[in-house]
Amino acid sequence: MITCFIRYHIDPAKKAAFEHYARNWGQAIPRCGAELIGYFSPHEGSSTLAYGVYSIENLAAYEAYRARLAADPLGQENYAFAQSERFILREDRTFLKLASAPHAGKKGSR
């Protein structure tokens, strides 16, 4: 399993547009085959950093997922929305593998 972390630099005046975009991905991403962890918009601290995080089996599964997402009607609509509203100033993707597993259980849960 790999996890994709998408770091967005957004226009702080268009945070509401980013949140609309995030809610749309909340529908499309799981439907197209990835396990969505969530989209996160600025709250405290930086007003320009936002994140999207999802997991997928491997890079081959990622490529198939991306093709399904590009063909998905809501995916297409969301890509067009982002381009027309121009709230994303920069977008970077990083794929990471969980290194801390297995995690210890909660204290007192034995």
N, C-alpha and C. Protein backbone atom coordinates (compact mmCIF):
# COMPACT_ATOMS: atom_id res chain seq x y z
N MET A 1 0.86 -1.18 0.00
CA MET A 1 0.00 0.00 0.00
C MET A 1 0.90 1.24 0.00
N ILE A 2 0.55 2.20 -0.84
CA ILE A 2 1.25 3.49 -0.86
C ILE A 2 0.23 4.59 -0.59
N THR A 3 0.71 5.68 -0.03
CA THR A 3 -0.18 6.81 0.26
C THR A 3 0.32 8.02 -0.51
N CYS A 4 -0.60 8.66 -1.20
CA CYS A 4 -0.30 9.86 -1.97
C CYS A 4 -0.67 11.08 -1.13
N PHE A 5 0.30 11.94 -0.93
CA PHE A 5 0.09 13.21 -0.25
C PHE A 5 0.17 14.30 -1.32
N ILE A 6 -0.92 15.02 -1.50
CA ILE A 6 -0.94 16.13 -2.45
C ILE A 6 -0.88 17.42 -1.64
N ARG A 7 0.16 18.19 -1.86
CA ARG A 7 0.29 19.49 -1.18
C ARG A 7 -0.13 20.57 -2.18
N TYR A 8 -1.14 21.32 -1.77
CA TYR A 8 -1.64 22.41 -2.60
C TYR A 8 -1.22 23.74 -1.99
N HIS A 9 -0.84 24.66 -2.84
CA HIS A 9 -0.72 26.06 -2.46
C HIS A 9 -1.92 26.73 -3.11
N ILE A 10 -2.80 27.26 -2.28
CA ILE A 10 -4.05 27.82 -2.80
C ILE A 10 -4.10 29.33 -2.57
N ASP A 11 -4.95 29.97 -3.33
CA ASP A 11 -5.24 31.39 -3.15
C ASP A 11 -6.09 31.50 -1.88
N PRO A 12 -5.60 32.19 -0.83
CA PRO A 12 -6.36 32.24 0.42
C PRO A 12 -7.72 32.92 0.28
N ALA A 13 -7.88 33.76 -0.72
CA ALA A 13 -9.17 34.42 -0.95
C ALA A 13 -10.18 33.46 -1.59
N LYS A 14 -9.70 32.27 -2.02
CA LYS A 14 -10.57 31.31 -2.70
C LYS A 14 -10.64 29.98 -1.93
N LYS A 15 -10.52 30.05 -0.62
CA LYS A 15 -10.57 28.86 0.22
C LYS A 15 -11.90 28.12 0.05
N ALA A 16 -13.00 28.84 -0.07
CA ALA A 16 -14.31 28.20 -0.24
C ALA A 16 -14.36 27.39 -1.54
N ALA A 17 -13.73 27.89 -2.58
CA ALA A 17 -13.68 27.15 -3.85
C ALA A 17 -12.88 25.87 -3.68
N PHE A 18 -11.76 25.94 -2.94
CA PHE A 18 -10.98 24.74 -2.68
C PHE A 18 -11.81 23.72 -1.90
N GLU A 19 -12.57 24.18 -0.93
CA GLU A 19 -13.38 23.26 -0.12
C GLU A 19 -14.48 22.60 -0.95
N HIS A 20 -15.04 23.32 -1.90
CA HIS A 20 -16.01 22.73 -2.84
C HIS A 20 -15.32 21.64 -3.66
N TYR A 21 -14.16 21.95 -4.16
CA TYR A 21 -13.32 21.02 -4.93
C TYR A 21 -13.04 19.76 -4.10
N ALA A 22 -12.68 19.95 -2.84
CA ALA A 22 -12.37 18.84 -1.95
C ALA A 22 -13.59 17.94 -1.74
N ARG A 23 -14.75 18.54 -1.54
CA ARG A 23 -15.98 17.74 -1.35
C ARG A 23 -16.29 16.90 -2.60
N ASN A 24 -16.06 17.47 -3.77
CA ASN A 24 -16.27 16.70 -5.01
C ASN A 24 -15.32 15.50 -5.07
N TRP A 25 -14.05 15.70 -4.69
CA TRP A 25 -13.12 14.57 -4.69
C TRP A 25 -13.53 13.55 -3.64
N GLY A 26 -14.19 14.00 -2.59
CA GLY A 26 -14.69 13.08 -1.57
C GLY A 26 -15.68 12.07 -2.13
N GLN A 27 -16.32 12.42 -3.22
CA GLN A 27 -17.23 11.49 -3.91
C GLN A 27 -16.51 10.69 -5.00
N ALA A 28 -15.72 11.38 -5.82
CA ALA A 28 -15.13 10.76 -7.01
C ALA A 28 -13.97 9.82 -6.69
N ILE A 29 -13.10 10.20 -5.77
CA ILE A 29 -11.90 9.39 -5.52
C ILE A 29 -12.25 7.98 -5.04
N PRO A 30 -13.09 7.82 -4.02
CA PRO A 30 -13.43 6.44 -3.61
C PRO A 30 -14.14 5.65 -4.71
N ARG A 31 -14.99 6.32 -5.46
CA ARG A 31 -15.72 5.64 -6.54
C ARG A 31 -14.75 5.12 -7.61
N CYS A 32 -13.63 5.81 -7.78
CA CYS A 32 -12.67 5.42 -8.83
C CYS A 32 -11.59 4.46 -8.33
N GLY A 33 -11.63 4.10 -7.04
CA GLY A 33 -10.77 3.01 -6.58
C GLY A 33 -9.68 3.32 -5.59
N ALA A 34 -9.57 4.54 -5.10
CA ALA A 34 -8.56 4.83 -4.08
C ALA A 34 -9.24 4.96 -2.73
N GLU A 35 -8.49 4.74 -1.67
CA GLU A 35 -9.00 4.87 -0.31
C GLU A 35 -8.70 6.30 0.17
N LEU A 36 -9.70 7.14 0.13
CA LEU A 36 -9.51 8.54 0.50
C LEU A 36 -9.39 8.68 2.01
N ILE A 37 -8.30 9.30 2.44
CA ILE A 37 -8.12 9.62 3.86
C ILE A 37 -8.76 10.97 4.12
N GLY A 38 -8.56 11.92 3.20
CA GLY A 38 -9.25 13.19 3.34
C GLY A 38 -8.56 14.34 2.62
N TYR A 39 -9.30 15.41 2.51
CA TYR A 39 -8.80 16.69 2.01
C TYR A 39 -8.83 17.66 3.18
N PHE A 40 -7.80 18.46 3.30
CA PHE A 40 -7.64 19.35 4.44
C PHE A 40 -7.38 20.76 3.94
N SER A 41 -8.18 21.72 4.44
CA SER A 41 -8.01 23.12 4.05
C SER A 41 -7.38 23.90 5.20
N PRO A 42 -6.83 25.06 4.91
CA PRO A 42 -6.19 25.86 5.96
C PRO A 42 -7.16 26.20 7.09
N HIS A 43 -6.63 26.17 8.29
CA HIS A 43 -7.43 26.53 9.46
C HIS A 43 -6.66 27.50 10.35
N GLU A 44 -5.51 27.09 10.84
CA GLU A 44 -4.62 27.95 11.63
C GLU A 44 -3.24 27.89 10.97
N GLY A 45 -2.45 28.90 11.21
CA GLY A 45 -1.11 28.92 10.63
C GLY A 45 -1.18 29.40 9.19
N SER A 46 -0.62 28.65 8.29
CA SER A 46 -0.59 29.03 6.88
C SER A 46 -2.01 29.15 6.32
N SER A 47 -2.23 30.18 5.55
CA SER A 47 -3.53 30.34 4.90
C SER A 47 -3.50 29.85 3.45
N THR A 48 -2.34 29.34 3.04
CA THR A 48 -2.20 28.93 1.64
C THR A 48 -1.94 27.44 1.45
N LEU A 49 -1.66 26.69 2.52
CA LEU A 49 -1.37 25.26 2.38
C LEU A 49 -2.60 24.42 2.63
N ALA A 50 -2.85 23.49 1.72
CA ALA A 50 -3.95 22.53 1.85
C ALA A 50 -3.41 21.17 1.40
N TYR A 51 -4.08 20.10 1.81
CA TYR A 51 -3.60 18.76 1.49
C TYR A 51 -4.75 17.84 1.07
N GLY A 52 -4.42 16.90 0.21
CA GLY A 52 -5.29 15.77 -0.11
C GLY A 52 -4.48 14.51 0.14
N VAL A 53 -5.08 13.51 0.77
CA VAL A 53 -4.35 12.29 1.13
C VAL A 53 -5.21 11.07 0.81
N TYR A 54 -4.65 10.14 0.06
CA TYR A 54 -5.35 8.89 -0.20
C TYR A 54 -4.35 7.76 -0.38
N SER A 55 -4.81 6.55 -0.17
CA SER A 55 -3.96 5.37 -0.32
C SER A 55 -4.45 4.51 -1.47
N ILE A 56 -3.50 3.78 -2.04
CA ILE A 56 -3.81 2.89 -3.15
C ILE A 56 -2.80 1.74 -3.12
N GLU A 57 -3.17 0.63 -3.70
CA GLU A 57 -2.38 -0.60 -3.58
C GLU A 57 -0.92 -0.45 -4.03
N ASN A 58 -0.70 0.10 -5.23
CA ASN A 58 0.66 0.23 -5.77
C ASN A 58 0.62 1.22 -6.94
N LEU A 59 1.76 1.46 -7.56
CA LEU A 59 1.80 2.44 -8.66
C LEU A 59 1.02 1.98 -9.89
N ALA A 60 0.97 0.68 -10.15
CA ALA A 60 0.16 0.17 -11.27
C ALA A 60 -1.32 0.45 -11.01
N ALA A 61 -1.77 0.21 -9.79
CA ALA A 61 -3.16 0.50 -9.43
C ALA A 61 -3.42 2.00 -9.52
N TYR A 62 -2.43 2.80 -9.17
CA TYR A 62 -2.55 4.26 -9.26
C TYR A 62 -2.81 4.70 -10.70
N GLU A 63 -2.07 4.12 -11.64
CA GLU A 63 -2.24 4.49 -13.05
C GLU A 63 -3.65 4.16 -13.54
N ALA A 64 -4.17 2.99 -13.17
CA ALA A 64 -5.53 2.60 -13.55
C ALA A 64 -6.56 3.52 -12.89
N TYR A 65 -6.33 3.85 -11.62
CA TYR A 65 -7.20 4.77 -10.89
C TYR A 65 -7.23 6.14 -11.56
N ARG A 66 -6.08 6.65 -11.95
CA ARG A 66 -6.01 7.98 -12.60
C ARG A 66 -6.80 7.98 -13.91
N ALA A 67 -6.74 6.89 -14.65
CA ALA A 67 -7.51 6.79 -15.90
C ALA A 67 -9.01 6.80 -15.60
N ARG A 68 -9.43 6.06 -14.57
CA ARG A 68 -10.86 6.06 -14.20
C ARG A 68 -11.28 7.45 -13.73
N LEU A 69 -10.44 8.12 -12.95
CA LEU A 69 -10.76 9.45 -12.44
C LEU A 69 -10.89 10.46 -13.59
N ALA A 70 -10.02 10.36 -14.58
CA ALA A 70 -10.07 11.27 -15.73
C ALA A 70 -11.33 11.04 -16.56
N ALA A 71 -11.86 9.82 -16.54
CA ALA A 71 -13.07 9.50 -17.32
C ALA A 71 -14.35 9.73 -16.51
N ASP A 72 -14.23 9.89 -15.21
CA ASP A 72 -15.39 10.07 -14.33
C ASP A 72 -16.03 11.45 -14.57
N PRO A 73 -17.34 11.53 -14.74
CA PRO A 73 -17.98 12.83 -15.00
C PRO A 73 -17.70 13.87 -13.91
N LEU A 74 -17.77 13.48 -12.65
CA LEU A 74 -17.48 14.44 -11.58
C LEU A 74 -16.00 14.80 -11.56
N GLY A 75 -15.14 13.83 -11.87
CA GLY A 75 -13.71 14.10 -11.97
C GLY A 75 -13.42 15.13 -13.05
N GLN A 76 -14.04 14.95 -14.22
CA GLN A 76 -13.85 15.90 -15.32
C GLN A 76 -14.37 17.29 -14.93
N GLU A 77 -15.54 17.31 -14.28
CA GLU A 77 -16.13 18.57 -13.85
C GLU A 77 -15.21 19.27 -12.83
N ASN A 78 -14.63 18.49 -11.93
CA ASN A 78 -13.78 19.08 -10.90
C ASN A 78 -12.48 19.62 -11.47
N TYR A 79 -11.88 18.89 -12.42
CA TYR A 79 -10.67 19.40 -13.08
C TYR A 79 -10.98 20.73 -13.77
N ALA A 80 -12.11 20.79 -14.49
CA ALA A 80 -12.50 22.03 -15.19
C ALA A 80 -12.78 23.16 -14.20
N PHE A 81 -13.42 22.83 -13.08
CA PHE A 81 -13.71 23.83 -12.04
C PHE A 81 -12.41 24.44 -11.52
N ALA A 82 -11.44 23.60 -11.22
CA ALA A 82 -10.15 24.10 -10.71
C ALA A 82 -9.47 25.00 -11.73
N GLN A 83 -9.54 24.63 -13.00
CA GLN A 83 -8.90 25.46 -14.04
C GLN A 83 -9.62 26.79 -14.23
N SER A 84 -10.94 26.78 -14.19
CA SER A 84 -11.68 28.02 -14.42
C SER A 84 -11.61 28.97 -13.23
N GLU A 85 -11.60 28.41 -12.00
CA GLU A 85 -11.58 29.25 -10.80
C GLU A 85 -10.18 29.64 -10.36
N ARG A 86 -9.18 28.90 -10.79
CA ARG A 86 -7.76 29.23 -10.56
C ARG A 86 -7.42 29.43 -9.07
N PHE A 87 -7.96 28.59 -8.21
CA PHE A 87 -7.67 28.69 -6.79
C PHE A 87 -6.43 27.90 -6.39
N ILE A 88 -6.00 26.97 -7.25
CA ILE A 88 -4.78 26.20 -6.99
C ILE A 88 -3.62 26.91 -7.67
N LEU A 89 -2.67 27.36 -6.86
CA LEU A 89 -1.51 28.06 -7.38
C LEU A 89 -0.37 27.09 -7.70
N ARG A 90 -0.32 26.00 -6.94
CA ARG A 90 0.71 24.98 -7.14
C ARG A 90 0.23 23.68 -6.51
N GLU A 91 0.65 22.57 -7.09
CA GLU A 91 0.23 21.25 -6.62
C GLU A 91 1.42 20.30 -6.73
N ASP A 92 1.76 19.63 -5.63
CA ASP A 92 2.86 18.66 -5.62
C ASP A 92 2.37 17.34 -5.06
N ARG A 93 2.77 16.24 -5.69
CA ARG A 93 2.41 14.90 -5.22
C ARG A 93 3.64 14.17 -4.72
N THR A 94 3.49 13.50 -3.59
CA THR A 94 4.54 12.64 -3.05
C THR A 94 3.90 11.33 -2.65
N PHE A 95 4.54 10.22 -3.01
CA PHE A 95 4.05 8.89 -2.65
C PHE A 95 4.94 8.33 -1.55
N LEU A 96 4.31 7.95 -0.44
CA LEU A 96 5.05 7.44 0.71
C LEU A 96 4.50 6.08 1.12
N LYS A 97 5.36 5.30 1.76
CA LYS A 97 4.99 4.00 2.32
C LYS A 97 5.05 4.09 3.82
N LEU A 98 4.07 3.52 4.50
CA LEU A 98 4.04 3.53 5.96
C LEU A 98 5.25 2.77 6.50
N ALA A 99 6.02 3.42 7.34
CA ALA A 99 7.23 2.82 7.89
C ALA A 99 7.09 2.45 9.36
N SER A 100 6.06 2.91 10.03
CA SER A 100 5.94 2.71 11.47
C SER A 100 5.10 1.50 11.86
N ALA A 101 4.53 0.78 10.91
CA ALA A 101 3.68 -0.36 11.23
C ALA A 101 4.52 -1.54 11.68
N PRO A 102 4.07 -2.40 12.54
CA PRO A 102 2.76 -2.32 13.17
C PRO A 102 2.76 -1.32 14.33
N HIS A 103 1.64 -0.66 14.50
CA HIS A 103 1.49 0.30 15.59
C HIS A 103 1.10 -0.43 16.86
N ALA A 104 1.54 0.10 17.97
CA ALA A 104 1.17 -0.48 19.26
C ALA A 104 -0.29 -0.18 19.53
N GLY A 105 -0.95 -1.06 20.28
CA GLY A 105 -2.34 -0.83 20.66
C GLY A 105 -2.45 0.31 21.66
N LYS A 106 -3.66 0.74 21.90
CA LYS A 106 -3.89 1.80 22.88
C LYS A 106 -3.52 1.31 24.26
N LYS A 107 -3.05 2.21 25.08
CA LYS A 107 -2.71 1.88 26.46
C LYS A 107 -3.94 1.35 27.20
N GLY A 108 -3.77 0.25 27.86
CA GLY A 108 -4.87 -0.31 28.62
C GLY A 108 -5.87 -1.11 27.80
N SER A 109 -5.57 -1.36 26.52
CA SER A 109 -6.55 -2.07 25.68
C SER A 109 -6.27 -3.57 25.60
N ARG A 110 -5.38 -4.06 26.41
CA ARG A 110 -5.03 -5.50 26.35
C ARG A 110 -6.04 -6.36 26.98
